[in-house]
Amino acid sequence: MRALELGTVGEMRTRLNSLVLAGGKRATTGLLAEYRAETEGLEFVGETLALLDNASDQVATVEITAVEVVPFARVSWAHASAEGEGDASLEEWRAGHSRFWASVGTPVEEDTLLVCLSFRLVGPPLPL
């Protein structure tokens, strides 16, 4: 079973995992370039992933329900709002994600390809 590590280690990951466990976060977005750099294939619908905490311990299991590769400028509000992070608009989501990626050294442009994942919480940790 592959892993899902949301955000960066620390307070951000704790907050994002809490949103998943509470049922409010049902999507996440990553950079396609990171998949390529890590030579990691995309997730697929029906795949189960171990949701990991800051110590790389599995805190839950999620199942992928949708995978879409889109340019940054074409991420839908439906996807952005499913991330459950409190953004009030698509513009707010874009601004926040732009700031995040710039802060970790991977600034995005309108045509930067993103991987939009949707998932559902399927339960507690499953055996790896």
C-alpha atoms as a PDB file:
ATOM      1  CA  MET A   1       0.000   0.000   0.000  1.00  0.00           C
ATOM      2  CA  ARG A   2       1.347   3.397  -0.970  1.00  0.00           C
ATOM      3  CA  ALA A   3       1.219   6.374   1.368  1.00  0.00           C
ATOM      4  CA  LEU A   4      -0.431   9.779   1.340  1.00  0.00           C
ATOM      5  CA  GLU A   5       1.487  12.496   3.161  1.00  0.00           C
ATOM      6  CA  LEU A   6      -0.440  15.750   3.175  1.00  0.00           C
ATOM      7  CA  GLY A   7       1.303  19.133   3.275  1.00  0.00           C
ATOM      8  CA  THR A   8       4.629  19.520   4.983  1.00  0.00           C
ATOM      9  CA  VAL A   9       5.748  17.845   8.198  1.00  0.00           C
ATOM     10  CA  GLY A  10       4.635  19.686  11.315  1.00  0.00           C
ATOM     11  CA  GLU A  11       1.589  21.749  12.127  1.00  0.00           C
ATOM     12  CA  MET A  12       0.339  21.733   8.522  1.00  0.00           C
ATOM     13  CA  ARG A  13       0.259  17.930   8.259  1.00  0.00           C
ATOM     14  CA  THR A  14      -1.419  17.626  11.652  1.00  0.00           C
ATOM     15  CA  ARG A  15      -4.109  20.124  10.623  1.00  0.00           C
ATOM     16  CA  LEU A  16      -4.716  18.504   7.216  1.00  0.00           C
ATOM     17  CA  ASN A  17      -4.891  14.995   8.686  1.00  0.00           C
ATOM     18  CA  SER A  18      -7.373  16.243  11.279  1.00  0.00           C
ATOM     19  CA  LEU A  19      -9.568  17.579   8.479  1.00  0.00           C
ATOM     20  CA  VAL A  20      -9.481  14.178   6.743  1.00  0.00           C
ATOM     21  CA  LEU A  21     -10.291  12.304   9.957  1.00  0.00           C
ATOM     22  CA  ALA A  22     -13.212  14.674  10.651  1.00  0.00           C
ATOM     23  CA  GLY A  23     -14.568  14.081   7.135  1.00  0.00           C
ATOM     24  CA  GLY A  24     -14.124  17.644   5.901  1.00  0.00           C
ATOM     25  CA  LYS A  25     -11.158  17.076   3.598  1.00  0.00           C
ATOM     26  CA  ARG A  26     -11.896  14.855   0.606  1.00  0.00           C
ATOM     27  CA  ALA A  27      -9.326  16.096  -1.911  1.00  0.00           C
ATOM     28  CA  THR A  28      -5.737  17.204  -2.294  1.00  0.00           C
ATOM     29  CA  THR A  29      -3.565  18.646  -5.034  1.00  0.00           C
ATOM     30  CA  GLY A  30       0.054  17.980  -5.962  1.00  0.00           C
ATOM     31  CA  LEU A  31       2.519  18.997  -8.626  1.00  0.00           C
ATOM     32  CA  LEU A  32       2.838  16.605 -11.556  1.00  0.00           C
ATOM     33  CA  ALA A  33       6.544  17.516 -11.680  1.00  0.00           C
ATOM     34  CA  GLU A  34       7.004  15.978  -8.219  1.00  0.00           C
ATOM     35  CA  TYR A  35       5.557  12.672  -9.425  1.00  0.00           C
ATOM     36  CA  ARG A  36       7.980  12.760 -12.362  1.00  0.00           C
ATOM     37  CA  ALA A  37      10.962  13.658 -10.174  1.00  0.00           C
ATOM     38  CA  GLU A  38      10.159  10.814  -7.798  1.00  0.00           C
ATOM     39  CA  THR A  39       9.411   8.475 -10.739  1.00  0.00           C
ATOM     40  CA  GLU A  40       6.164   7.659  -8.989  1.00  0.00           C
ATOM     41  CA  GLY A  41       3.090   6.717 -10.965  1.00  0.00           C
ATOM     42  CA  LEU A  42      -0.188   8.496 -10.413  1.00  0.00           C
ATOM     43  CA  GLU A  43      -2.692   7.110  -7.981  1.00  0.00           C
ATOM     44  CA  PHE A  44      -5.671   5.338  -9.565  1.00  0.00           C
ATOM     45  CA  VAL A  45      -9.371   5.152  -8.780  1.00  0.00           C
ATOM     46  CA  GLY A  46      -9.973   2.416  -6.229  1.00  0.00           C
ATOM     47  CA  GLU A  47      -6.425   2.468  -4.843  1.00  0.00           C
ATOM     48  CA  THR A  48      -6.162   2.543  -1.066  1.00  0.00           C
ATOM     49  CA  LEU A  49      -3.491   4.679   0.549  1.00  0.00           C
ATOM     50  CA  ALA A  50      -2.106   4.853   4.063  1.00  0.00           C
ATOM     51  CA  LEU A  51      -2.577   8.369   5.462  1.00  0.00           C
ATOM     52  CA  LEU A  52       0.632   9.126   7.378  1.00  0.00           C
ATOM     53  CA  ASP A  53       1.292  11.498  10.260  1.00  0.00           C
ATOM     54  CA  ASN A  54       4.429  13.472  11.111  1.00  0.00           C
ATOM     55  CA  ALA A  55       6.186  10.351  12.401  1.00  0.00           C
ATOM     56  CA  SER A  56       5.292   8.372   9.231  1.00  0.00           C
ATOM     57  CA  ASP A  57       2.786   6.306  11.211  1.00  0.00           C
ATOM     58  CA  GLN A  58      -0.439   5.331   9.487  1.00  0.00           C
ATOM     59  CA  VAL A  59      -3.396   7.179  11.024  1.00  0.00           C
ATOM     60  CA  ALA A  60      -6.097   6.137   8.544  1.00  0.00           C
ATOM     61  CA  THR A  61      -6.795   4.578   5.186  1.00  0.00           C
ATOM     62  CA  VAL A  62      -8.256   6.468   2.237  1.00  0.00           C
ATOM     63  CA  GLU A  63      -9.533   5.268  -1.116  1.00  0.00           C
ATOM     64  CA  ILE A  64      -8.945   7.286  -4.284  1.00  0.00           C
ATOM     65  CA  THR A  65     -12.228   8.206  -5.981  1.00  0.00           C
ATOM     66  CA  ALA A  66     -10.934  10.474  -8.791  1.00  0.00           C
ATOM     67  CA  VAL A  67      -7.635  11.487 -10.397  1.00  0.00           C
ATOM     68  CA  GLU A  68      -7.336  14.402 -12.792  1.00  0.00           C
ATOM     69  CA  VAL A  69      -4.314  16.183 -14.270  1.00  0.00           C
ATOM     70  CA  VAL A  70      -5.103  19.833 -15.011  1.00  0.00           C
ATOM     71  CA  PRO A  71      -3.250  23.134 -15.377  1.00  0.00           C
ATOM     72  CA  PHE A  72      -3.238  25.317 -12.254  1.00  0.00           C
ATOM     73  CA  ALA A  73      -5.573  27.818 -13.948  1.00  0.00           C
ATOM     74  CA  ARG A  74      -8.188  25.101 -14.618  1.00  0.00           C
ATOM     75  CA  VAL A  75      -8.604  23.599 -11.152  1.00  0.00           C
ATOM     76  CA  SER A  76     -12.336  23.618 -10.459  1.00  0.00           C
ATOM     77  CA  TRP A  77     -14.056  25.142  -7.466  1.00  0.00           C
ATOM     78  CA  ALA A  78     -15.621  21.726  -6.816  1.00  0.00           C
ATOM     79  CA  HIS A  79     -12.137  20.262  -6.322  1.00  0.00           C
ATOM     80  CA  ALA A  80     -10.741  23.245  -4.416  1.00  0.00           C
ATOM     81  CA  SER A  81     -13.658  23.332  -1.984  1.00  0.00           C
ATOM     82  CA  ALA A  82     -13.419  19.544  -1.455  1.00  0.00           C
ATOM     83  CA  GLU A  83      -9.943  20.169  -0.041  1.00  0.00           C
ATOM     84  CA  GLY A  84     -11.846  21.415   3.001  1.00  0.00           C
ATOM     85  CA  GLU A  85      -9.265  23.965   4.101  1.00  0.00           C
ATOM     86  CA  GLY A  86     -11.689  26.858   4.528  1.00  0.00           C
ATOM     87  CA  ASP A  87     -11.112  28.767   1.308  1.00  0.00           C
ATOM     88  CA  ALA A  88     -14.078  31.023   0.538  1.00  0.00           C
ATOM     89  CA  SER A  89     -13.444  31.155  -3.216  1.00  0.00           C
ATOM     90  CA  LEU A  90     -11.387  29.674  -6.010  1.00  0.00           C
ATOM     91  CA  GLU A  91      -9.277  32.847  -6.054  1.00  0.00           C
ATOM     92  CA  GLU A  92      -8.478  32.379  -2.363  1.00  0.00           C
ATOM     93  CA  TRP A  93      -7.561  28.733  -2.991  1.00  0.00           C
ATOM     94  CA  ARG A  94      -5.264  29.717  -5.872  1.00  0.00           C
ATOM     95  CA  ALA A  95      -3.563  32.458  -3.850  1.00  0.00           C
ATOM     96  CA  GLY A  96      -2.978  30.139  -0.878  1.00  0.00           C
ATOM     97  CA  HIS A  97      -1.637  27.301  -2.995  1.00  0.00           C
ATOM     98  CA  SER A  98       0.582  29.678  -4.987  1.00  0.00           C
ATOM     99  CA  ARG A  99       2.066  30.985  -1.720  1.00  0.00           C
ATOM    100  CA  PHE A 100       2.589  27.460  -0.401  1.00  0.00           C
ATOM    101  CA  TRP A 101       4.363  26.145  -3.492  1.00  0.00           C
ATOM    102  CA  ALA A 102       6.499  29.288  -3.758  1.00  0.00           C
ATOM    103  CA  SER A 103       7.471  28.907  -0.081  1.00  0.00           C
ATOM    104  CA  VAL A 104       8.773  25.381  -0.699  1.00  0.00           C
ATOM    105  CA  GLY A 105      10.711  26.411  -3.798  1.00  0.00           C
ATOM    106  CA  THR A 106       8.304  25.250  -6.507  1.00  0.00           C
ATOM    107  CA  PRO A 107       6.408  28.309  -7.726  1.00  0.00           C
ATOM    108  CA  VAL A 108       3.502  27.636 -10.086  1.00  0.00           C
ATOM    109  CA  GLU A 109       2.321  29.351 -13.245  1.00  0.00           C
ATOM    110  CA  GLU A 110      -1.116  29.254 -14.849  1.00  0.00           C
ATOM    111  CA  ASP A 111      -0.043  26.305 -17.047  1.00  0.00           C
ATOM    112  CA  THR A 112       1.727  24.286 -14.320  1.00  0.00           C
ATOM    113  CA  LEU A 113       0.262  20.786 -14.374  1.00  0.00           C
ATOM    114  CA  LEU A 114      -1.303  19.585 -11.133  1.00  0.00           C
ATOM    115  CA  VAL A 115      -2.609  16.225  -9.973  1.00  0.00           C
ATOM    116  CA  CYS A 116      -6.036  16.623  -8.368  1.00  0.00           C
ATOM    117  CA  LEU A 117      -6.921  13.666  -6.165  1.00  0.00           C
ATOM    118  CA  SER A 118     -10.299  13.012  -4.601  1.00  0.00           C
ATOM    119  CA  PHE A 119     -10.618  10.398  -1.894  1.00  0.00           C
ATOM    120  CA  ARG A 120     -12.835   9.011   0.814  1.00  0.00           C
ATOM    121  CA  LEU A 121     -11.924   7.925   4.298  1.00  0.00           C
ATOM    122  CA  VAL A 122     -12.388   4.170   4.465  1.00  0.00           C
ATOM    123  CA  GLY A 123     -11.302   3.562   7.990  1.00  0.00           C
ATOM    124  CA  PRO A 124      -8.540   3.117  10.486  1.00  0.00           C
ATOM    125  CA  PRO A 125      -5.097   1.922   9.496  1.00  0.00           C
ATOM    126  CA  LEU A 126      -4.991  -1.282   7.494  1.00  0.00           C
ATOM    127  CA  PRO A 127      -2.023  -3.653   7.549  1.00  0.00           C
ATOM    128  CA  LEU A 128       0.760  -2.377   5.283  1.00  0.00           C
END
